[in-house]
Amino acid sequence: MSAFWDGKFSGDAYAYGTAPNAHLLEQADHLFLGAKVLVPGDGEGRNGVWLARQGMDVLSVDGSAVGLDKARRLAAASNVPLKTQQADLLAWDWPEAAFDGVVSIFLHFSAADRPRMHAAMAAALRPGGILILEAFRPGQLEYSSGGPKDPDLLYRAEDLRADFAGLRIDLLEEGDCVLDEGPLHQGPAATVRLIAHKPSEGI
């Protein structure tokens, strides 16, 4: 898959733009100055760099060396620090209880891998930490605005409710929106959005 994404990110243009995802933008006030945030599957860095610009300590992890190189260039252009790590998320040794926030934006795993990967995201949160997630749902197959064309890679709200049963779910909704995220995410889209918190210790 790293070769696939290296190809996607090989041009000078940013495939999904340089502006942050709209759902992240709406929900980022749940985070705080200095928060330690993990952005798995951050690609060319648009979300990680934006979080860094808000004064957060960000680690962007992706399988694509090409994407991460562009993420570092974007961070340098914004004059902000950004930690990056190239890794296959399926094989990565995910940190535990290490982050105040995990931001997963259009990161899709197969149905066989999804529960394990989502458990790793939840485990990476410190008590009280927040998960911000947006993904495509099966209705996206009717649209041409991007996303996987394999139904096995698309998420339903009930999948996320089951995967993150150990977190306190504050928002879980399926809906349609209009994407304007670089050349590869343009037009009507069918998404599912999640906001969840890890319970604080003793509660």
N, C-alpha and C. Protein backbone atom coordinates (compact mmCIF):
# COMPACT_ATOMS: atom_id res chain seq x y z
N MET A 1 0.81 -1.21 0.00
CA MET A 1 0.00 0.00 0.00
C MET A 1 0.85 1.27 0.00
N SER A 2 2.08 1.19 0.54
CA SER A 2 2.91 2.39 0.56
C SER A 2 3.22 2.86 -0.86
N ALA A 3 3.43 1.91 -1.78
CA ALA A 3 3.69 2.28 -3.17
C ALA A 3 2.47 2.94 -3.79
N PHE A 4 1.28 2.44 -3.46
CA PHE A 4 0.04 3.04 -3.95
C PHE A 4 -0.06 4.50 -3.51
N TRP A 5 0.17 4.75 -2.22
CA TRP A 5 0.05 6.11 -1.71
C TRP A 5 1.20 6.99 -2.15
N ASP A 6 2.39 6.42 -2.31
CA ASP A 6 3.49 7.21 -2.87
C ASP A 6 3.10 7.75 -4.24
N GLY A 7 2.43 6.92 -5.04
CA GLY A 7 1.96 7.37 -6.35
C GLY A 7 0.92 8.46 -6.25
N LYS A 8 -0.01 8.33 -5.30
CA LYS A 8 -1.05 9.34 -5.11
C LYS A 8 -0.44 10.70 -4.74
N PHE A 9 0.63 10.66 -3.96
CA PHE A 9 1.21 11.87 -3.42
C PHE A 9 2.41 12.38 -4.23
N SER A 10 2.67 11.80 -5.38
CA SER A 10 3.91 12.08 -6.10
C SER A 10 3.95 13.44 -6.79
N GLY A 11 2.82 14.04 -7.07
CA GLY A 11 2.82 15.32 -7.76
C GLY A 11 3.17 16.48 -6.84
N ASP A 12 3.33 17.65 -7.44
CA ASP A 12 3.61 18.85 -6.65
C ASP A 12 2.39 19.31 -5.87
N ALA A 13 1.20 19.11 -6.44
CA ALA A 13 -0.03 19.52 -5.77
C ALA A 13 -0.29 18.59 -4.57
N TYR A 14 -0.99 19.12 -3.58
CA TYR A 14 -1.40 18.32 -2.43
C TYR A 14 -2.73 17.65 -2.77
N ALA A 15 -2.73 16.31 -2.79
CA ALA A 15 -3.86 15.54 -3.30
C ALA A 15 -5.16 15.88 -2.59
N TYR A 16 -5.09 16.14 -1.28
CA TYR A 16 -6.28 16.46 -0.50
C TYR A 16 -6.22 17.89 0.05
N GLY A 17 -5.40 18.70 -0.58
CA GLY A 17 -5.28 20.10 -0.18
C GLY A 17 -4.37 20.28 1.02
N THR A 18 -4.26 21.51 1.45
CA THR A 18 -3.43 21.84 2.61
C THR A 18 -4.26 22.37 3.78
N ALA A 19 -5.56 22.55 3.58
CA ALA A 19 -6.44 23.02 4.65
C ALA A 19 -6.91 21.83 5.48
N PRO A 20 -7.23 22.04 6.75
CA PRO A 20 -7.68 20.93 7.58
C PRO A 20 -9.07 20.44 7.18
N ASN A 21 -9.35 19.22 7.53
CA ASN A 21 -10.68 18.63 7.35
C ASN A 21 -11.73 19.43 8.11
N ALA A 22 -12.91 19.61 7.53
CA ALA A 22 -13.95 20.45 8.13
C ALA A 22 -14.43 19.90 9.47
N HIS A 23 -14.57 18.59 9.58
CA HIS A 23 -15.01 17.98 10.85
C HIS A 23 -13.97 18.23 11.94
N LEU A 24 -12.70 18.09 11.62
CA LEU A 24 -11.65 18.40 12.59
C LEU A 24 -11.72 19.86 13.00
N LEU A 25 -11.89 20.74 12.04
CA LEU A 25 -11.96 22.17 12.32
C LEU A 25 -13.09 22.48 13.29
N GLU A 26 -14.23 21.81 13.11
CA GLU A 26 -15.40 22.05 13.97
C GLU A 26 -15.18 21.52 15.39
N GLN A 27 -14.39 20.48 15.53
CA GLN A 27 -14.28 19.79 16.81
C GLN A 27 -12.98 20.06 17.57
N ALA A 28 -12.06 20.79 16.96
CA ALA A 28 -10.73 20.94 17.54
C ALA A 28 -10.74 21.71 18.85
N ASP A 29 -11.82 22.42 19.18
CA ASP A 29 -11.83 23.13 20.45
C ASP A 29 -11.91 22.18 21.64
N HIS A 30 -12.12 20.88 21.37
CA HIS A 30 -12.03 19.88 22.43
C HIS A 30 -10.59 19.66 22.87
N LEU A 31 -9.64 20.05 22.01
CA LEU A 31 -8.23 19.92 22.31
C LEU A 31 -7.71 21.22 22.93
N PHE A 32 -6.46 21.23 23.36
CA PHE A 32 -5.95 22.38 24.09
C PHE A 32 -4.51 22.66 23.69
N LEU A 33 -4.06 23.86 23.97
CA LEU A 33 -2.70 24.27 23.69
C LEU A 33 -1.72 23.30 24.37
N GLY A 34 -0.82 22.76 23.58
CA GLY A 34 0.15 21.82 24.13
C GLY A 34 -0.30 20.38 24.15
N ALA A 35 -1.53 20.10 23.72
CA ALA A 35 -2.02 18.73 23.70
C ALA A 35 -1.15 17.86 22.81
N LYS A 36 -0.93 16.65 23.23
CA LYS A 36 -0.17 15.68 22.44
C LYS A 36 -1.16 14.91 21.58
N VAL A 37 -1.00 15.02 20.26
CA VAL A 37 -2.00 14.49 19.33
C VAL A 37 -1.35 13.55 18.33
N LEU A 38 -1.98 12.41 18.12
CA LEU A 38 -1.57 11.44 17.12
C LEU A 38 -2.50 11.54 15.92
N VAL A 39 -1.90 11.64 14.72
CA VAL A 39 -2.69 11.67 13.49
C VAL A 39 -2.23 10.49 12.62
N PRO A 40 -2.86 9.33 12.76
CA PRO A 40 -2.50 8.18 11.92
C PRO A 40 -3.06 8.35 10.51
N GLY A 41 -2.30 7.93 9.53
CA GLY A 41 -2.75 8.08 8.15
C GLY A 41 -2.85 9.53 7.72
N ASP A 42 -1.90 10.35 8.14
CA ASP A 42 -1.98 11.80 7.90
C ASP A 42 -1.55 12.19 6.49
N GLY A 43 -1.05 11.25 5.70
CA GLY A 43 -0.73 11.55 4.31
C GLY A 43 0.24 12.69 4.15
N GLU A 44 -0.19 13.73 3.44
CA GLU A 44 0.66 14.89 3.16
C GLU A 44 0.62 15.93 4.28
N GLY A 45 -0.05 15.62 5.37
CA GLY A 45 0.10 16.42 6.57
C GLY A 45 -0.88 17.56 6.80
N ARG A 46 -1.92 17.66 6.00
CA ARG A 46 -2.78 18.84 6.14
C ARG A 46 -3.40 18.96 7.54
N ASN A 47 -3.79 17.84 8.13
CA ASN A 47 -4.42 17.91 9.45
C ASN A 47 -3.38 18.04 10.56
N GLY A 48 -2.31 17.29 10.46
CA GLY A 48 -1.26 17.38 11.48
C GLY A 48 -0.63 18.76 11.53
N VAL A 49 -0.36 19.34 10.37
CA VAL A 49 0.25 20.66 10.35
C VAL A 49 -0.70 21.70 10.92
N TRP A 50 -1.98 21.61 10.60
CA TRP A 50 -2.94 22.57 11.15
C TRP A 50 -2.99 22.47 12.67
N LEU A 51 -3.00 21.24 13.19
CA LEU A 51 -2.99 21.07 14.64
C LEU A 51 -1.72 21.66 15.25
N ALA A 52 -0.59 21.46 14.59
CA ALA A 52 0.66 22.04 15.08
C ALA A 52 0.60 23.56 15.09
N ARG A 53 -0.07 24.11 14.09
CA ARG A 53 -0.22 25.57 14.04
C ARG A 53 -1.07 26.10 15.19
N GLN A 54 -1.89 25.23 15.78
CA GLN A 54 -2.71 25.64 16.94
C GLN A 54 -1.94 25.45 18.25
N GLY A 55 -0.67 25.08 18.15
CA GLY A 55 0.17 24.96 19.34
C GLY A 55 0.16 23.58 19.97
N MET A 56 -0.19 22.55 19.18
CA MET A 56 -0.22 21.19 19.71
C MET A 56 1.04 20.42 19.32
N ASP A 57 1.34 19.41 20.11
CA ASP A 57 2.50 18.55 19.92
C ASP A 57 2.02 17.35 19.09
N VAL A 58 2.35 17.32 17.81
CA VAL A 58 1.71 16.41 16.87
C VAL A 58 2.69 15.37 16.34
N LEU A 59 2.22 14.12 16.30
CA LEU A 59 2.92 13.04 15.63
C LEU A 59 2.06 12.57 14.47
N SER A 60 2.55 12.75 13.24
CA SER A 60 1.87 12.27 12.04
C SER A 60 2.52 10.97 11.60
N VAL A 61 1.71 9.92 11.46
CA VAL A 61 2.21 8.61 11.07
C VAL A 61 1.56 8.20 9.77
N ASP A 62 2.36 7.73 8.83
CA ASP A 62 1.82 7.32 7.54
C ASP A 62 2.75 6.30 6.91
N GLY A 63 2.21 5.49 6.03
CA GLY A 63 3.02 4.50 5.32
C GLY A 63 3.77 5.06 4.14
N SER A 64 3.42 6.26 3.69
CA SER A 64 4.00 6.84 2.49
C SER A 64 5.15 7.79 2.83
N ALA A 65 6.35 7.45 2.40
CA ALA A 65 7.49 8.34 2.58
C ALA A 65 7.30 9.63 1.79
N VAL A 66 6.70 9.53 0.61
CA VAL A 66 6.45 10.70 -0.23
C VAL A 66 5.48 11.65 0.48
N GLY A 67 4.40 11.09 1.04
CA GLY A 67 3.44 11.91 1.75
C GLY A 67 4.07 12.62 2.94
N LEU A 68 4.84 11.90 3.73
CA LEU A 68 5.46 12.49 4.91
C LEU A 68 6.49 13.56 4.56
N ASP A 69 7.18 13.37 3.44
CA ASP A 69 8.12 14.41 3.00
C ASP A 69 7.37 15.70 2.69
N LYS A 70 6.21 15.57 2.04
CA LYS A 70 5.40 16.76 1.76
C LYS A 70 4.83 17.35 3.04
N ALA A 71 4.51 16.50 4.01
CA ALA A 71 4.02 16.98 5.31
C ALA A 71 5.09 17.82 5.99
N ARG A 72 6.33 17.34 5.95
CA ARG A 72 7.42 18.11 6.58
C ARG A 72 7.64 19.44 5.85
N ARG A 73 7.51 19.43 4.53
CA ARG A 73 7.65 20.68 3.79
C ARG A 73 6.53 21.65 4.14
N LEU A 74 5.32 21.12 4.29
CA LEU A 74 4.18 21.97 4.66
C LEU A 74 4.39 22.55 6.05
N ALA A 75 4.90 21.74 6.96
CA ALA A 75 5.17 22.23 8.31
C ALA A 75 6.25 23.31 8.29
N ALA A 76 7.29 23.11 7.49
CA ALA A 76 8.36 24.10 7.40
C ALA A 76 7.83 25.41 6.83
N ALA A 77 6.96 25.32 5.83
CA ALA A 77 6.38 26.52 5.23
C ALA A 77 5.50 27.26 6.24
N SER A 78 4.91 26.51 7.18
CA SER A 78 4.07 27.11 8.22
C SER A 78 4.87 27.48 9.46
N ASN A 79 6.18 27.15 9.44
CA ASN A 79 7.08 27.47 10.55
C ASN A 79 6.61 26.84 11.87
N VAL A 80 6.20 25.56 11.78
CA VAL A 80 5.79 24.84 12.98
C VAL A 80 6.50 23.49 13.03
N PRO A 81 6.75 22.97 14.23
CA PRO A 81 7.35 21.63 14.34
C PRO A 81 6.30 20.56 14.09
N LEU A 82 6.71 19.50 13.44
CA LEU A 82 5.83 18.35 13.20
C LEU A 82 6.67 17.09 13.30
N LYS A 83 6.32 16.21 14.21
CA LYS A 83 6.99 14.92 14.30
C LYS A 83 6.34 13.98 13.29
N THR A 84 7.16 13.21 12.59
CA THR A 84 6.63 12.27 11.61
C THR A 84 7.26 10.90 11.81
N GLN A 85 6.51 9.88 11.46
CA GLN A 85 7.02 8.51 11.50
C GLN A 85 6.41 7.73 10.35
N GLN A 86 7.27 7.09 9.55
CA GLN A 86 6.79 6.23 8.50
C GLN A 86 6.56 4.84 9.08
N ALA A 87 5.35 4.32 8.90
CA ALA A 87 5.04 3.01 9.46
C ALA A 87 3.82 2.43 8.77
N ASP A 88 3.81 1.11 8.67
CA ASP A 88 2.61 0.38 8.28
C ASP A 88 1.74 0.29 9.53
N LEU A 89 0.62 0.97 9.54
CA LEU A 89 -0.20 1.03 10.74
C LEU A 89 -0.67 -0.34 11.20
N LEU A 90 -0.80 -1.27 10.26
CA LEU A 90 -1.23 -2.62 10.63
C LEU A 90 -0.17 -3.35 11.45
N ALA A 91 1.08 -2.97 11.28
CA ALA A 91 2.19 -3.64 11.97
C ALA A 91 2.85 -2.74 13.01
N TRP A 92 2.47 -1.48 13.07
CA TRP A 92 3.10 -0.52 13.97
C TRP A 92 2.85 -0.89 15.43
N ASP A 93 3.84 -0.62 16.25
CA ASP A 93 3.70 -0.80 17.69
C ASP A 93 3.06 0.47 18.26
N TRP A 94 1.74 0.50 18.28
CA TRP A 94 1.02 1.69 18.70
C TRP A 94 1.33 2.02 20.16
N PRO A 95 1.64 3.28 20.47
CA PRO A 95 1.82 3.66 21.87
C PRO A 95 0.51 3.50 22.65
N GLU A 96 0.63 3.33 23.95
CA GLU A 96 -0.56 3.19 24.79
C GLU A 96 -0.60 4.32 25.83
N ALA A 97 -1.80 4.87 26.01
CA ALA A 97 -2.04 5.93 27.00
C ALA A 97 -1.04 7.07 26.85
N ALA A 98 -0.78 7.47 25.61
CA ALA A 98 0.28 8.43 25.33
C ALA A 98 -0.21 9.76 24.75
N PHE A 99 -1.48 9.84 24.34
CA PHE A 99 -1.94 11.01 23.60
C PHE A 99 -3.21 11.59 24.21
N ASP A 100 -3.30 12.93 24.14
CA ASP A 100 -4.52 13.63 24.55
C ASP A 100 -5.58 13.57 23.46
N GLY A 101 -5.15 13.32 22.23
CA GLY A 101 -6.09 13.23 21.12
C GLY A 101 -5.58 12.32 20.04
N VAL A 102 -6.49 11.62 19.39
CA VAL A 102 -6.20 10.86 18.18
C VAL A 102 -7.16 11.37 17.11
N VAL A 103 -6.61 11.73 15.96
CA VAL A 103 -7.41 12.29 14.86
C VAL A 103 -7.30 11.35 13.66
N SER A 104 -8.40 10.71 13.33
CA SER A 104 -8.44 9.74 12.22
C SER A 104 -9.39 10.27 11.16
N ILE A 105 -8.83 10.76 10.06
CA ILE A 105 -9.63 11.39 9.00
C ILE A 105 -9.50 10.59 7.71
N PHE A 106 -10.60 9.98 7.28
CA PHE A 106 -10.65 9.18 6.06
C PHE A 106 -9.54 8.13 6.03
N LEU A 107 -9.37 7.47 7.17
CA LEU A 107 -8.43 6.36 7.30
C LEU A 107 -9.25 5.09 7.36
N HIS A 108 -9.10 4.24 6.36
CA HIS A 108 -9.99 3.09 6.20
C HIS A 108 -9.21 1.77 6.28
N PHE A 109 -9.71 0.88 7.14
CA PHE A 109 -9.16 -0.46 7.26
C PHE A 109 -10.22 -1.47 6.82
N SER A 110 -9.77 -2.63 6.41
CA SER A 110 -10.70 -3.69 6.03
C SER A 110 -11.52 -4.11 7.25
N ALA A 111 -12.64 -4.76 7.01
CA ALA A 111 -13.49 -5.22 8.11
C ALA A 111 -12.74 -6.17 9.03
N ALA A 112 -11.79 -6.93 8.47
CA ALA A 112 -11.01 -7.86 9.28
C ALA A 112 -10.03 -7.14 10.21
N ASP A 113 -9.48 -6.02 9.75
CA ASP A 113 -8.48 -5.29 10.53
C ASP A 113 -9.07 -4.16 11.36
N ARG A 114 -10.24 -3.67 10.96
CA ARG A 114 -10.79 -2.45 11.56
C ARG A 114 -10.93 -2.53 13.09
N PRO A 115 -11.54 -3.57 13.66
CA PRO A 115 -11.69 -3.58 15.12
C PRO A 115 -10.36 -3.50 15.86
N ARG A 116 -9.36 -4.22 15.38
CA ARG A 116 -8.04 -4.20 16.03
C ARG A 116 -7.40 -2.83 15.93
N MET A 117 -7.50 -2.19 14.78
CA MET A 117 -6.90 -0.87 14.60
C MET A 117 -7.62 0.19 15.42
N HIS A 118 -8.92 0.08 15.50
CA HIS A 118 -9.67 1.04 16.31
C HIS A 118 -9.41 0.81 17.80
N ALA A 119 -9.21 -0.43 18.20
CA ALA A 119 -8.82 -0.70 19.59
C ALA A 119 -7.47 -0.08 19.90
N ALA A 120 -6.55 -0.10 18.92
CA ALA A 120 -5.24 0.51 19.12
C ALA A 120 -5.36 2.02 19.26
N MET A 121 -6.25 2.64 18.48
CA MET A 121 -6.48 4.08 18.61
C MET A 121 -6.99 4.41 20.01
N ALA A 122 -7.97 3.65 20.47
CA ALA A 122 -8.54 3.90 21.80
C ALA A 122 -7.49 3.71 22.88
N ALA A 123 -6.67 2.68 22.75
CA ALA A 123 -5.63 2.41 23.74
C ALA A 123 -4.56 3.50 23.75
N ALA A 124 -4.37 4.17 22.62
CA ALA A 124 -3.35 5.23 22.53
C ALA A 124 -3.75 6.47 23.31
N LEU A 125 -5.02 6.61 23.65
CA LEU A 125 -5.49 7.79 24.37
C LEU A 125 -5.18 7.71 25.86
N ARG A 126 -4.81 8.85 26.41
CA ARG A 126 -4.72 8.98 27.86
C ARG A 126 -6.15 9.06 28.43
N PRO A 127 -6.34 8.78 29.72
CA PRO A 127 -7.65 9.01 30.32
C PRO A 127 -8.10 10.45 30.09
N GLY A 128 -9.33 10.60 29.63
CA GLY A 128 -9.85 11.92 29.30
C GLY A 128 -9.56 12.36 27.88
N GLY A 129 -8.76 11.59 27.14
CA GLY A 129 -8.40 11.96 25.77
C GLY A 129 -9.56 11.80 24.81
N ILE A 130 -9.44 12.47 23.67
CA ILE A 130 -10.53 12.53 22.69
C ILE A 130 -10.12 11.88 21.37
N LEU A 131 -11.07 11.19 20.78
CA LEU A 131 -10.93 10.66 19.42
C LEU A 131 -11.82 11.47 18.50
N ILE A 132 -11.24 11.97 17.41
CA ILE A 132 -11.98 12.69 16.38
C ILE A 132 -11.83 11.88 15.10
N LEU A 133 -12.94 11.40 14.55
CA LEU A 133 -12.89 10.50 13.40
C LEU A 133 -13.94 10.88 12.37
N GLU A 134 -13.53 10.83 11.11
CA GLU A 134 -14.48 10.91 9.99
C GLU A 134 -14.06 9.89 8.95
N ALA A 135 -15.04 9.18 8.40
CA ALA A 135 -14.77 8.17 7.39
C ALA A 135 -15.93 8.12 6.41
N PHE A 136 -15.69 7.47 5.29
CA PHE A 136 -16.75 7.27 4.32
C PHE A 136 -17.59 6.06 4.73
N ARG A 137 -18.89 6.15 4.47
CA ARG A 137 -19.81 5.04 4.71
C ARG A 137 -20.24 4.44 3.37
N PRO A 138 -20.98 3.33 3.37
CA PRO A 138 -21.31 2.66 2.10
C PRO A 138 -22.00 3.54 1.07
N GLY A 139 -22.76 4.53 1.50
CA GLY A 139 -23.41 5.42 0.55
C GLY A 139 -22.44 6.17 -0.35
N GLN A 140 -21.15 6.21 0.04
CA GLN A 140 -20.15 6.89 -0.78
C GLN A 140 -19.98 6.23 -2.13
N LEU A 141 -20.35 4.98 -2.25
CA LEU A 141 -20.22 4.27 -3.54
C LEU A 141 -21.07 4.93 -4.63
N GLU A 142 -22.06 5.71 -4.23
CA GLU A 142 -22.92 6.41 -5.20
C GLU A 142 -22.31 7.72 -5.67
N TYR A 143 -21.21 8.14 -5.04
CA TYR A 143 -20.61 9.43 -5.34
C TYR A 143 -19.23 9.25 -5.98
N SER A 144 -18.77 10.31 -6.61
CA SER A 144 -17.46 10.29 -7.27
C SER A 144 -16.47 11.25 -6.61
N SER A 145 -16.69 11.53 -5.33
CA SER A 145 -15.87 12.53 -4.64
C SER A 145 -14.69 11.92 -3.89
N GLY A 146 -14.37 10.66 -4.17
CA GLY A 146 -13.22 10.04 -3.54
C GLY A 146 -13.61 8.87 -2.66
N GLY A 147 -12.60 8.33 -1.98
CA GLY A 147 -12.84 7.24 -1.05
C GLY A 147 -12.70 5.87 -1.68
N PRO A 148 -12.63 4.83 -0.84
CA PRO A 148 -12.50 3.46 -1.34
C PRO A 148 -13.72 3.03 -2.16
N LYS A 149 -13.47 2.22 -3.15
CA LYS A 149 -14.57 1.66 -3.95
C LYS A 149 -14.90 0.23 -3.52
N ASP A 150 -14.22 -0.24 -2.50
CA ASP A 150 -14.46 -1.57 -1.94
C ASP A 150 -15.37 -1.43 -0.73
N PRO A 151 -16.58 -2.00 -0.76
CA PRO A 151 -17.49 -1.86 0.39
C PRO A 151 -16.89 -2.36 1.70
N ASP A 152 -15.94 -3.28 1.63
CA ASP A 152 -15.32 -3.83 2.83
C ASP A 152 -14.52 -2.77 3.59
N LEU A 153 -14.19 -1.68 2.93
CA LEU A 153 -13.38 -0.62 3.55
C LEU A 153 -14.22 0.56 4.03
N LEU A 154 -15.52 0.47 3.91
CA LEU A 154 -16.40 1.58 4.29
C LEU A 154 -17.06 1.28 5.63
N TYR A 155 -17.30 2.34 6.42
CA TYR A 155 -17.74 2.18 7.80
C TYR A 155 -19.20 2.58 7.99
N ARG A 156 -19.87 1.88 8.86
CA ARG A 156 -21.22 2.23 9.31
C ARG A 156 -21.15 2.71 10.76
N ALA A 157 -22.13 3.49 11.15
CA ALA A 157 -22.15 3.98 12.53
C ALA A 157 -22.13 2.82 13.52
N GLU A 158 -22.87 1.76 13.20
CA GLU A 158 -22.91 0.63 14.14
C GLU A 158 -21.55 -0.04 14.28
N ASP A 159 -20.73 -0.02 13.21
CA ASP A 159 -19.37 -0.57 13.30
C ASP A 159 -18.55 0.23 14.31
N LEU A 160 -18.64 1.54 14.21
CA LEU A 160 -17.85 2.40 15.09
C LEU A 160 -18.35 2.31 16.53
N ARG A 161 -19.65 2.20 16.71
CA ARG A 161 -20.18 2.06 18.07
C ARG A 161 -19.63 0.80 18.74
N ALA A 162 -19.56 -0.27 17.97
CA ALA A 162 -19.03 -1.53 18.52
C ALA A 162 -17.52 -1.44 18.75
N ASP A 163 -16.80 -0.88 17.79
CA ASP A 163 -15.34 -0.80 17.91
C ASP A 163 -14.90 0.04 19.09
N PHE A 164 -15.63 1.12 19.37
CA PHE A 164 -15.23 2.06 20.42
C PHE A 164 -16.16 1.99 21.63
N ALA A 165 -16.64 0.79 21.91
CA ALA A 165 -17.59 0.60 23.03
C ALA A 165 -16.97 0.99 24.37
N GLY A 166 -15.65 0.96 24.47
CA GLY A 166 -15.00 1.33 25.72
C GLY A 166 -14.84 2.83 25.92
N LEU A 167 -15.18 3.62 24.91
CA LEU A 167 -15.10 5.08 25.02
C LEU A 167 -16.50 5.66 25.26
N ARG A 168 -16.53 6.88 25.77
CA ARG A 168 -17.80 7.60 25.90
C ARG A 168 -18.08 8.31 24.58
N ILE A 169 -19.11 7.89 23.89
CA ILE A 169 -19.41 8.45 22.57
C ILE A 169 -20.25 9.71 22.75
N ASP A 170 -19.73 10.83 22.28
CA ASP A 170 -20.41 12.12 22.39
C ASP A 170 -21.14 12.48 21.10
N LEU A 171 -20.63 12.02 19.99
CA LEU A 171 -21.25 12.28 18.69
C LEU A 171 -20.99 11.09 17.79
N LEU A 172 -22.04 10.57 17.18
CA LEU A 172 -21.92 9.52 16.18
C LEU A 172 -23.06 9.71 15.20
N GLU A 173 -22.71 10.16 13.99
CA GLU A 173 -23.76 10.48 13.03
C GLU A 173 -23.34 10.13 11.62
N GLU A 174 -24.30 9.64 10.86
CA GLU A 174 -24.13 9.43 9.43
C GLU A 174 -24.82 10.58 8.71
N GLY A 175 -24.23 11.05 7.63
CA GLY A 175 -24.84 12.14 6.89
C GLY A 175 -24.11 12.40 5.59
N ASP A 176 -24.63 13.34 4.84
CA ASP A 176 -24.01 13.75 3.59
C ASP A 176 -23.42 15.14 3.78
N CYS A 177 -22.35 15.40 3.08
CA CYS A 177 -21.71 16.71 3.11
C CYS A 177 -21.15 16.97 1.72
N VAL A 178 -20.57 18.14 1.53
CA VAL A 178 -19.90 18.48 0.27
C VAL A 178 -18.43 18.69 0.59
N LEU A 179 -17.59 17.86 -0.01
CA LEU A 179 -16.16 17.95 0.22
C LEU A 179 -15.51 18.97 -0.70
N ASP A 180 -14.54 19.70 -0.15
CA ASP A 180 -13.70 20.61 -0.94
C ASP A 180 -12.30 20.50 -0.37
N GLU A 181 -11.67 19.36 -0.64
CA GLU A 181 -10.39 19.02 -0.05
C GLU A 181 -9.41 18.61 -1.14
N GLY A 182 -8.85 19.59 -1.81
CA GLY A 182 -7.87 19.28 -2.84
C GLY A 182 -8.48 18.59 -4.04
N PRO A 183 -7.66 18.18 -5.00
CA PRO A 183 -8.18 17.59 -6.25
C PRO A 183 -8.94 16.29 -6.06
N LEU A 184 -8.62 15.50 -5.03
CA LEU A 184 -9.18 14.15 -4.93
C LEU A 184 -10.41 14.03 -4.05
N HIS A 185 -10.80 15.08 -3.35
CA HIS A 185 -12.03 15.06 -2.54
C HIS A 185 -12.86 16.27 -2.91
N GLN A 186 -13.68 16.12 -3.92
CA GLN A 186 -14.50 17.23 -4.39
C GLN A 186 -15.92 16.75 -4.64
N GLY A 187 -16.90 17.41 -4.02
CA GLY A 187 -18.29 17.12 -4.31
C GLY A 187 -19.03 16.42 -3.19
N PRO A 188 -20.28 16.04 -3.43
CA PRO A 188 -21.10 15.38 -2.41
C PRO A 188 -20.46 14.10 -1.92
N ALA A 189 -20.62 13.85 -0.62
CA ALA A 189 -20.00 12.67 -0.02
C ALA A 189 -20.91 12.13 1.09
N ALA A 190 -20.81 10.83 1.33
CA ALA A 190 -21.54 10.15 2.40
C ALA A 190 -20.54 9.75 3.48
N THR A 191 -20.66 10.34 4.65
CA THR A 191 -19.66 10.12 5.69
C THR A 191 -20.31 9.70 7.01
N VAL A 192 -19.48 9.22 7.90
CA VAL A 192 -19.86 8.97 9.29
C VAL A 192 -18.84 9.69 10.15
N ARG A 193 -19.34 10.37 11.19
CA ARG A 193 -18.48 11.17 12.05
C ARG A 193 -18.63 10.73 13.49
N LEU A 194 -17.51 10.74 14.20
CA LEU A 194 -17.48 10.27 15.58
C LEU A 194 -16.64 11.21 16.43
N ILE A 195 -17.16 11.50 17.62
CA ILE A 195 -16.39 12.15 18.68
C ILE A 195 -16.57 11.28 19.92
N ALA A 196 -15.46 10.85 20.52
CA ALA A 196 -15.54 10.00 21.69
C ALA A 196 -14.40 10.33 22.65
N HIS A 197 -14.66 10.15 23.93
CA HIS A 197 -13.66 10.41 24.96
C HIS A 197 -13.34 9.13 25.73
N LYS A 198 -12.09 9.00 26.11
CA LYS A 198 -11.70 7.90 26.99
C LYS A 198 -12.07 8.29 28.42
N PRO A 199 -12.78 7.44 29.13
CA PRO A 199 -13.17 7.81 30.51
C PRO A 199 -11.95 8.15 31.35
N SER A 200 -12.12 9.15 32.20
CA SER A 200 -11.05 9.51 33.13
C SER A 200 -10.94 8.44 34.20
N GLU A 201 -9.75 8.29 34.73
CA GLU A 201 -9.54 7.29 35.76
C GLU A 201 -10.39 7.59 36.99
N GLY A 202 -11.00 6.54 37.52
CA GLY A 202 -11.81 6.70 38.71
C GLY A 202 -13.24 7.09 38.45
N ILE A 203 -13.61 7.25 37.13
CA ILE A 203 -14.98 7.63 36.80
C ILE A 203 -15.68 6.46 36.11
